[in-house]
Amino acid sequence: MLQKNRCSIIMVAYFVFAIPTFAQADSPTNSIQKSDISGTIRSCYFSKLYGAAAENNMDAYSLGGILNVKTAPFLGGFIVGVSFFTANDLGTHGNNPKNVDTTLMGIASSINALGQAYIQYEILTACWCAPATR
C-alpha cells in the first residue's frame, strides 16, 4: 500500500512539474520570427585557352550563392531548416555554345535547387548534480 502511494506521488509530481516545462516551448510562429538566416555569395570565372586553331577557347562565368534558414526551437525542441542554392551566368554565356565551358553549370543560364530540408529535434538535458569541487 505504501509503495502504491509513493508511485502516485511521483506521478503527480511529474505531471505538476514536468508537463508545464513542455507547454512553455515557443510556438512555431515565434520560432519563425527568431529564425537564423545566413548565406554566401560566390563568383567564379573559368577559362580554357587552348592556343590552337583546332580547339575553341572556352569560358564561363557564374554568380551564385546559398541561402540558409533555420528556425529557433519550438514545441519542446523541434527545429526546421532549409537551404537554397543558386548559380546564374547573368547573360555572359555568349551566343556560340561551342565557346561555353560547361564545367560550372552546364549549358543552362542558371541552376536553382532546394539543397536541403530537414527537421531536427534537440534533447536538452539539465544536470541536477552538485557542482564539482576542487
N, C-alpha and C. Protein backbone atom coordinates (compact mmCIF):
# COMPACT_ATOMS: atom_id res chain seq x y z
N MET A 1 0.82 -1.19 0.00
CA MET A 1 0.00 0.00 0.00
C MET A 1 0.86 1.25 0.00
N LEU A 2 1.92 1.23 0.84
CA LEU A 2 2.80 2.38 0.93
C LEU A 2 3.51 2.62 -0.40
N GLN A 3 3.90 1.55 -1.09
CA GLN A 3 4.58 1.68 -2.37
C GLN A 3 3.64 2.28 -3.42
N LYS A 4 2.36 1.92 -3.41
CA LYS A 4 1.39 2.47 -4.35
C LYS A 4 1.25 3.98 -4.15
N ASN A 5 1.23 4.42 -2.91
CA ASN A 5 1.10 5.85 -2.62
C ASN A 5 2.34 6.61 -3.09
N ARG A 6 3.53 6.03 -2.90
CA ARG A 6 4.76 6.68 -3.38
C ARG A 6 4.74 6.83 -4.90
N CYS A 7 4.30 5.77 -5.56
CA CYS A 7 4.21 5.81 -7.02
C CYS A 7 3.24 6.89 -7.47
N SER A 8 2.11 7.00 -6.79
CA SER A 8 1.13 8.03 -7.14
C SER A 8 1.69 9.43 -6.90
N ILE A 9 2.42 9.61 -5.82
CA ILE A 9 3.00 10.92 -5.52
C ILE A 9 4.05 11.28 -6.59
N ILE A 10 4.83 10.31 -6.99
CA ILE A 10 5.84 10.57 -8.02
C ILE A 10 5.17 10.95 -9.35
N MET A 11 4.10 10.25 -9.70
CA MET A 11 3.40 10.58 -10.95
C MET A 11 2.76 11.96 -10.89
N VAL A 12 2.16 12.30 -9.76
CA VAL A 12 1.57 13.63 -9.61
C VAL A 12 2.65 14.70 -9.71
N ALA A 13 3.79 14.48 -9.06
CA ALA A 13 4.89 15.45 -9.12
C ALA A 13 5.38 15.61 -10.55
N TYR A 14 5.46 14.50 -11.28
CA TYR A 14 5.89 14.58 -12.68
C TYR A 14 4.94 15.46 -13.49
N PHE A 15 3.64 15.22 -13.36
CA PHE A 15 2.66 15.99 -14.13
C PHE A 15 2.59 17.44 -13.69
N VAL A 16 2.88 17.71 -12.44
CA VAL A 16 2.84 19.09 -11.95
C VAL A 16 4.07 19.87 -12.40
N PHE A 17 5.25 19.23 -12.37
CA PHE A 17 6.48 19.96 -12.65
C PHE A 17 7.03 19.78 -14.06
N ALA A 18 6.89 18.61 -14.65
CA ALA A 18 7.50 18.35 -15.96
C ALA A 18 6.62 18.80 -17.11
N ILE A 19 5.35 18.54 -17.09
CA ILE A 19 4.47 18.88 -18.21
C ILE A 19 4.44 20.39 -18.47
N PRO A 20 4.33 21.26 -17.45
CA PRO A 20 4.35 22.70 -17.76
C PRO A 20 5.64 23.14 -18.45
N THR A 21 6.76 22.45 -18.23
CA THR A 21 8.00 22.80 -18.92
C THR A 21 7.84 22.64 -20.42
N PHE A 22 7.19 21.56 -20.86
CA PHE A 22 6.96 21.36 -22.28
C PHE A 22 5.97 22.39 -22.83
N ALA A 23 5.01 22.79 -22.04
CA ALA A 23 4.00 23.73 -22.50
C ALA A 23 4.57 25.12 -22.71
N GLN A 24 5.72 25.43 -22.11
CA GLN A 24 6.30 26.76 -22.23
C GLN A 24 7.15 26.93 -23.48
N ALA A 25 7.29 25.90 -24.29
CA ALA A 25 8.10 25.99 -25.50
C ALA A 25 7.52 27.01 -26.46
N ASP A 26 8.39 27.62 -27.27
CA ASP A 26 7.95 28.61 -28.24
C ASP A 26 6.97 28.01 -29.23
N SER A 27 6.08 28.84 -29.72
CA SER A 27 5.16 28.41 -30.77
C SER A 27 5.89 28.45 -32.11
N PRO A 28 5.37 27.77 -33.12
CA PRO A 28 6.00 27.84 -34.45
C PRO A 28 6.08 29.27 -34.99
N THR A 29 5.08 30.10 -34.69
CA THR A 29 5.11 31.49 -35.17
C THR A 29 6.27 32.26 -34.55
N ASN A 30 6.45 32.15 -33.22
CA ASN A 30 7.58 32.82 -32.57
C ASN A 30 8.91 32.26 -33.05
N SER A 31 8.93 30.97 -33.33
CA SER A 31 10.15 30.34 -33.80
C SER A 31 10.57 30.89 -35.16
N ILE A 32 9.61 31.13 -36.03
CA ILE A 32 9.92 31.69 -37.35
C ILE A 32 10.45 33.11 -37.21
N GLN A 33 9.87 33.89 -36.31
CA GLN A 33 10.34 35.27 -36.10
C GLN A 33 11.75 35.31 -35.55
N LYS A 34 12.17 34.28 -34.83
CA LYS A 34 13.51 34.21 -34.24
C LYS A 34 14.46 33.36 -35.08
N SER A 35 14.13 33.12 -36.34
CA SER A 35 14.93 32.26 -37.21
C SER A 35 16.32 32.84 -37.46
N ASP A 36 17.25 31.95 -37.73
CA ASP A 36 18.61 32.33 -38.10
C ASP A 36 18.71 32.24 -39.62
N ILE A 37 19.03 33.35 -40.25
CA ILE A 37 19.15 33.40 -41.71
C ILE A 37 20.61 33.74 -42.04
N SER A 38 21.21 32.92 -42.90
CA SER A 38 22.60 33.16 -43.29
C SER A 38 22.77 32.76 -44.75
N GLY A 39 23.91 33.10 -45.29
CA GLY A 39 24.17 32.71 -46.66
C GLY A 39 25.53 33.20 -47.14
N THR A 40 25.84 32.83 -48.37
CA THR A 40 27.08 33.26 -49.00
C THR A 40 26.79 33.64 -50.44
N ILE A 41 27.61 34.51 -50.98
CA ILE A 41 27.57 34.87 -52.39
C ILE A 41 28.92 34.51 -52.97
N ARG A 42 28.90 33.86 -54.13
CA ARG A 42 30.15 33.41 -54.75
C ARG A 42 30.17 33.82 -56.22
N SER A 43 31.35 34.13 -56.68
CA SER A 43 31.56 34.47 -58.08
C SER A 43 32.70 33.61 -58.61
N CYS A 44 32.52 33.08 -59.81
CA CYS A 44 33.56 32.22 -60.37
C CYS A 44 33.70 32.48 -61.87
N TYR A 45 34.92 32.63 -62.32
CA TYR A 45 35.21 32.74 -63.75
C TYR A 45 36.15 31.60 -64.10
N PHE A 46 35.80 30.86 -65.16
CA PHE A 46 36.57 29.70 -65.57
C PHE A 46 36.89 29.85 -67.04
N SER A 47 38.15 29.66 -67.42
CA SER A 47 38.56 29.84 -68.80
C SER A 47 39.52 28.74 -69.24
N LYS A 48 39.31 28.26 -70.46
CA LYS A 48 40.23 27.30 -71.08
C LYS A 48 40.76 27.94 -72.36
N LEU A 49 42.04 28.24 -72.36
CA LEU A 49 42.69 28.82 -73.53
C LEU A 49 43.61 27.75 -74.12
N TYR A 50 43.23 27.23 -75.29
CA TYR A 50 43.96 26.13 -75.89
C TYR A 50 45.15 26.60 -76.73
N GLY A 51 45.06 27.75 -77.32
CA GLY A 51 46.16 28.24 -78.14
C GLY A 51 46.34 27.48 -79.43
N ALA A 52 45.34 26.75 -79.86
CA ALA A 52 45.41 26.01 -81.12
C ALA A 52 44.17 26.33 -81.93
N ALA A 53 44.33 26.42 -83.24
CA ALA A 53 43.20 26.77 -84.11
C ALA A 53 42.14 25.68 -84.14
N ALA A 54 42.54 24.44 -83.92
CA ALA A 54 41.59 23.32 -84.00
C ALA A 54 40.65 23.27 -82.78
N GLU A 55 41.04 23.86 -81.69
CA GLU A 55 40.24 23.84 -80.46
C GLU A 55 39.67 25.23 -80.18
N ASN A 56 38.40 25.26 -79.82
CA ASN A 56 37.78 26.53 -79.42
C ASN A 56 38.16 26.86 -77.98
N ASN A 57 38.54 28.11 -77.74
CA ASN A 57 38.74 28.56 -76.37
C ASN A 57 37.36 28.62 -75.69
N MET A 58 37.31 28.27 -74.43
CA MET A 58 36.03 28.24 -73.71
C MET A 58 36.14 29.05 -72.44
N ASP A 59 35.02 29.64 -72.05
CA ASP A 59 34.98 30.33 -70.78
C ASP A 59 33.56 30.28 -70.21
N ALA A 60 33.48 30.54 -68.93
CA ALA A 60 32.18 30.57 -68.26
C ALA A 60 32.29 31.46 -67.03
N TYR A 61 31.21 32.13 -66.72
CA TYR A 61 31.13 32.97 -65.52
C TYR A 61 29.88 32.57 -64.76
N SER A 62 29.97 32.58 -63.46
CA SER A 62 28.81 32.24 -62.64
C SER A 62 28.81 33.09 -61.38
N LEU A 63 27.66 33.61 -61.05
CA LEU A 63 27.44 34.29 -59.78
C LEU A 63 26.36 33.50 -59.07
N GLY A 64 26.64 33.08 -57.87
CA GLY A 64 25.67 32.24 -57.18
C GLY A 64 25.80 32.39 -55.68
N GLY A 65 25.08 31.53 -55.01
CA GLY A 65 25.14 31.58 -53.56
C GLY A 65 24.25 30.55 -52.90
N ILE A 66 24.26 30.63 -51.59
CA ILE A 66 23.49 29.73 -50.75
C ILE A 66 22.72 30.58 -49.74
N LEU A 67 21.45 30.27 -49.55
CA LEU A 67 20.62 30.93 -48.54
C LEU A 67 20.15 29.86 -47.57
N ASN A 68 20.49 30.01 -46.30
CA ASN A 68 20.11 29.05 -45.25
C ASN A 68 19.13 29.70 -44.29
N VAL A 69 18.09 28.97 -43.91
CA VAL A 69 17.14 29.43 -42.91
C VAL A 69 16.96 28.29 -41.91
N LYS A 70 17.12 28.62 -40.62
CA LYS A 70 16.97 27.64 -39.54
C LYS A 70 16.13 28.28 -38.44
N THR A 71 15.01 27.64 -38.10
CA THR A 71 14.14 28.20 -37.08
C THR A 71 14.74 28.03 -35.69
N ALA A 72 14.26 28.83 -34.77
CA ALA A 72 14.58 28.63 -33.36
C ALA A 72 13.79 27.42 -32.87
N PRO A 73 14.23 26.78 -31.79
CA PRO A 73 13.49 25.61 -31.29
C PRO A 73 12.05 25.96 -30.91
N PHE A 74 11.13 25.05 -31.22
CA PHE A 74 9.72 25.22 -30.85
C PHE A 74 9.13 23.87 -30.49
N LEU A 75 8.01 23.88 -29.82
CA LEU A 75 7.30 22.67 -29.40
C LEU A 75 8.21 21.67 -28.68
N GLY A 76 9.01 22.19 -27.79
CA GLY A 76 9.84 21.31 -26.97
C GLY A 76 11.16 20.90 -27.58
N GLY A 77 11.58 21.49 -28.69
CA GLY A 77 12.90 21.18 -29.24
C GLY A 77 12.98 20.94 -30.73
N PHE A 78 11.87 21.09 -31.46
CA PHE A 78 11.91 20.89 -32.92
C PHE A 78 12.53 22.10 -33.60
N ILE A 79 13.36 21.84 -34.60
CA ILE A 79 13.99 22.87 -35.43
C ILE A 79 13.79 22.46 -36.88
N VAL A 80 13.44 23.42 -37.72
CA VAL A 80 13.27 23.16 -39.15
C VAL A 80 14.30 24.01 -39.90
N GLY A 81 14.95 23.41 -40.88
CA GLY A 81 15.95 24.14 -41.66
C GLY A 81 15.82 23.85 -43.15
N VAL A 82 16.14 24.83 -43.96
CA VAL A 82 16.17 24.67 -45.42
C VAL A 82 17.36 25.45 -45.97
N SER A 83 17.88 24.99 -47.10
CA SER A 83 18.95 25.69 -47.80
C SER A 83 18.62 25.72 -49.29
N PHE A 84 18.78 26.87 -49.90
CA PHE A 84 18.51 27.07 -51.31
C PHE A 84 19.82 27.45 -51.99
N PHE A 85 20.15 26.77 -53.09
CA PHE A 85 21.37 27.02 -53.83
C PHE A 85 21.02 27.61 -55.20
N THR A 86 21.83 28.55 -55.67
CA THR A 86 21.60 29.13 -56.98
C THR A 86 22.92 29.49 -57.65
N ALA A 87 22.93 29.44 -58.98
CA ALA A 87 24.07 29.88 -59.79
C ALA A 87 23.49 30.44 -61.09
N ASN A 88 23.96 31.61 -61.50
CA ASN A 88 23.45 32.28 -62.70
C ASN A 88 24.60 32.84 -63.52
N ASP A 89 24.46 32.80 -64.84
CA ASP A 89 25.52 33.33 -65.70
C ASP A 89 25.36 34.82 -65.99
N LEU A 90 24.25 35.41 -65.62
CA LEU A 90 23.97 36.84 -65.81
C LEU A 90 24.13 37.27 -67.26
N GLY A 91 23.80 36.38 -68.18
CA GLY A 91 23.86 36.71 -69.60
C GLY A 91 25.25 36.73 -70.20
N THR A 92 26.23 36.17 -69.52
CA THR A 92 27.62 36.22 -70.00
C THR A 92 28.01 35.02 -70.84
N HIS A 93 27.12 34.07 -71.06
CA HIS A 93 27.44 32.87 -71.84
C HIS A 93 27.58 33.19 -73.32
N GLY A 94 27.75 34.01 -73.93
CA GLY A 94 27.94 34.16 -75.37
C GLY A 94 26.90 33.43 -76.22
N ASN A 95 26.90 33.69 -77.52
CA ASN A 95 25.90 33.12 -78.42
C ASN A 95 26.29 31.75 -78.96
N ASN A 96 27.56 31.41 -78.95
CA ASN A 96 28.03 30.15 -79.50
C ASN A 96 28.25 29.12 -78.38
N PRO A 97 27.41 28.06 -78.32
CA PRO A 97 27.56 27.06 -77.26
C PRO A 97 28.92 26.35 -77.29
N LYS A 98 29.59 26.34 -78.44
CA LYS A 98 30.90 25.70 -78.53
C LYS A 98 31.96 26.44 -77.71
N ASN A 99 31.70 27.72 -77.40
CA ASN A 99 32.65 28.52 -76.64
C ASN A 99 32.31 28.59 -75.14
N VAL A 100 31.26 27.89 -74.76
CA VAL A 100 30.84 27.92 -73.35
C VAL A 100 31.39 26.69 -72.64
N ASP A 101 32.17 26.91 -71.60
CA ASP A 101 32.67 25.81 -70.81
C ASP A 101 31.55 25.35 -69.87
N THR A 102 31.25 24.07 -69.90
CA THR A 102 30.13 23.54 -69.13
C THR A 102 30.54 23.04 -67.74
N THR A 103 31.76 23.32 -67.31
CA THR A 103 32.23 22.86 -66.01
C THR A 103 31.42 23.46 -64.86
N LEU A 104 31.09 24.73 -64.95
CA LEU A 104 30.41 25.39 -63.83
C LEU A 104 28.96 24.98 -63.68
N MET A 105 28.18 25.05 -64.76
CA MET A 105 26.75 24.75 -64.62
C MET A 105 26.12 24.24 -65.90
N GLY A 106 26.88 23.68 -66.76
CA GLY A 106 26.32 23.16 -67.99
C GLY A 106 26.02 24.28 -68.97
N ILE A 107 25.20 24.00 -69.94
CA ILE A 107 24.86 24.99 -70.96
C ILE A 107 23.73 25.91 -70.52
N ALA A 108 23.05 25.55 -69.43
CA ALA A 108 21.93 26.36 -68.94
C ALA A 108 22.42 27.71 -68.42
N SER A 109 21.53 28.68 -68.41
CA SER A 109 21.91 30.01 -67.92
C SER A 109 21.78 30.13 -66.40
N SER A 110 21.11 29.16 -65.78
CA SER A 110 21.02 29.18 -64.33
C SER A 110 20.69 27.79 -63.79
N ILE A 111 21.08 27.60 -62.55
CA ILE A 111 20.74 26.38 -61.82
C ILE A 111 20.22 26.82 -60.46
N ASN A 112 19.08 26.30 -60.07
CA ASN A 112 18.50 26.61 -58.77
C ASN A 112 18.03 25.31 -58.14
N ALA A 113 18.27 25.14 -56.85
CA ALA A 113 17.88 23.89 -56.20
C ALA A 113 17.63 24.11 -54.72
N LEU A 114 16.65 23.38 -54.22
CA LEU A 114 16.47 23.28 -52.78
C LEU A 114 17.47 22.22 -52.34
N GLY A 115 18.58 22.65 -51.78
CA GLY A 115 19.68 21.75 -51.48
C GLY A 115 19.45 20.86 -50.29
N GLN A 116 18.76 21.36 -49.27
CA GLN A 116 18.46 20.52 -48.12
C GLN A 116 17.25 21.07 -47.39
N ALA A 117 16.51 20.17 -46.81
CA ALA A 117 15.38 20.50 -45.94
C ALA A 117 15.36 19.44 -44.85
N TYR A 118 15.26 19.87 -43.61
CA TYR A 118 15.32 18.90 -42.52
C TYR A 118 14.50 19.35 -41.32
N ILE A 119 14.16 18.35 -40.51
CA ILE A 119 13.54 18.57 -39.21
C ILE A 119 14.47 17.95 -38.19
N GLN A 120 14.79 18.71 -37.17
CA GLN A 120 15.74 18.26 -36.15
C GLN A 120 15.04 18.35 -34.79
N TYR A 121 15.39 17.46 -33.89
CA TYR A 121 14.85 17.53 -32.54
C TYR A 121 16.02 17.61 -31.57
N GLU A 122 16.05 18.65 -30.76
CA GLU A 122 17.11 18.82 -29.77
C GLU A 122 16.64 18.29 -28.43
N ILE A 123 17.47 17.49 -27.82
CA ILE A 123 17.18 17.00 -26.49
C ILE A 123 18.08 17.78 -25.54
N LEU A 124 17.48 18.60 -24.74
CA LEU A 124 18.24 19.39 -23.77
C LEU A 124 18.16 18.69 -22.43
N THR A 125 19.29 18.47 -21.82
CA THR A 125 19.29 17.82 -20.52
C THR A 125 19.79 18.80 -19.47
N ALA A 126 19.20 18.71 -18.32
CA ALA A 126 19.63 19.54 -17.21
C ALA A 126 20.34 18.64 -16.20
N CYS A 127 21.43 19.12 -15.69
CA CYS A 127 22.18 18.35 -14.71
C CYS A 127 21.71 18.78 -13.32
N TRP A 128 21.23 17.82 -12.58
CA TRP A 128 20.76 18.11 -11.23
C TRP A 128 21.84 17.77 -10.21
N CYS A 129 23.05 17.58 -10.69
CA CYS A 129 24.15 17.22 -9.79
C CYS A 129 24.74 18.47 -9.17
N ALA A 130 25.37 18.29 -8.02
CA ALA A 130 26.07 19.40 -7.38
C ALA A 130 27.32 19.71 -8.18
N PRO A 131 27.73 20.99 -8.23
CA PRO A 131 28.94 21.32 -8.98
C PRO A 131 30.16 20.62 -8.38
N ALA A 132 31.10 20.31 -9.24
CA ALA A 132 32.30 19.62 -8.82
C ALA A 132 33.12 20.52 -7.90
N THR A 133 33.72 19.91 -6.92
CA THR A 133 34.58 20.66 -6.01
C THR A 133 36.03 20.43 -6.38
N ARG A 134 36.85 21.39 -6.12
CA ARG A 134 38.27 21.29 -6.45
C ARG A 134 39.07 20.87 -5.26
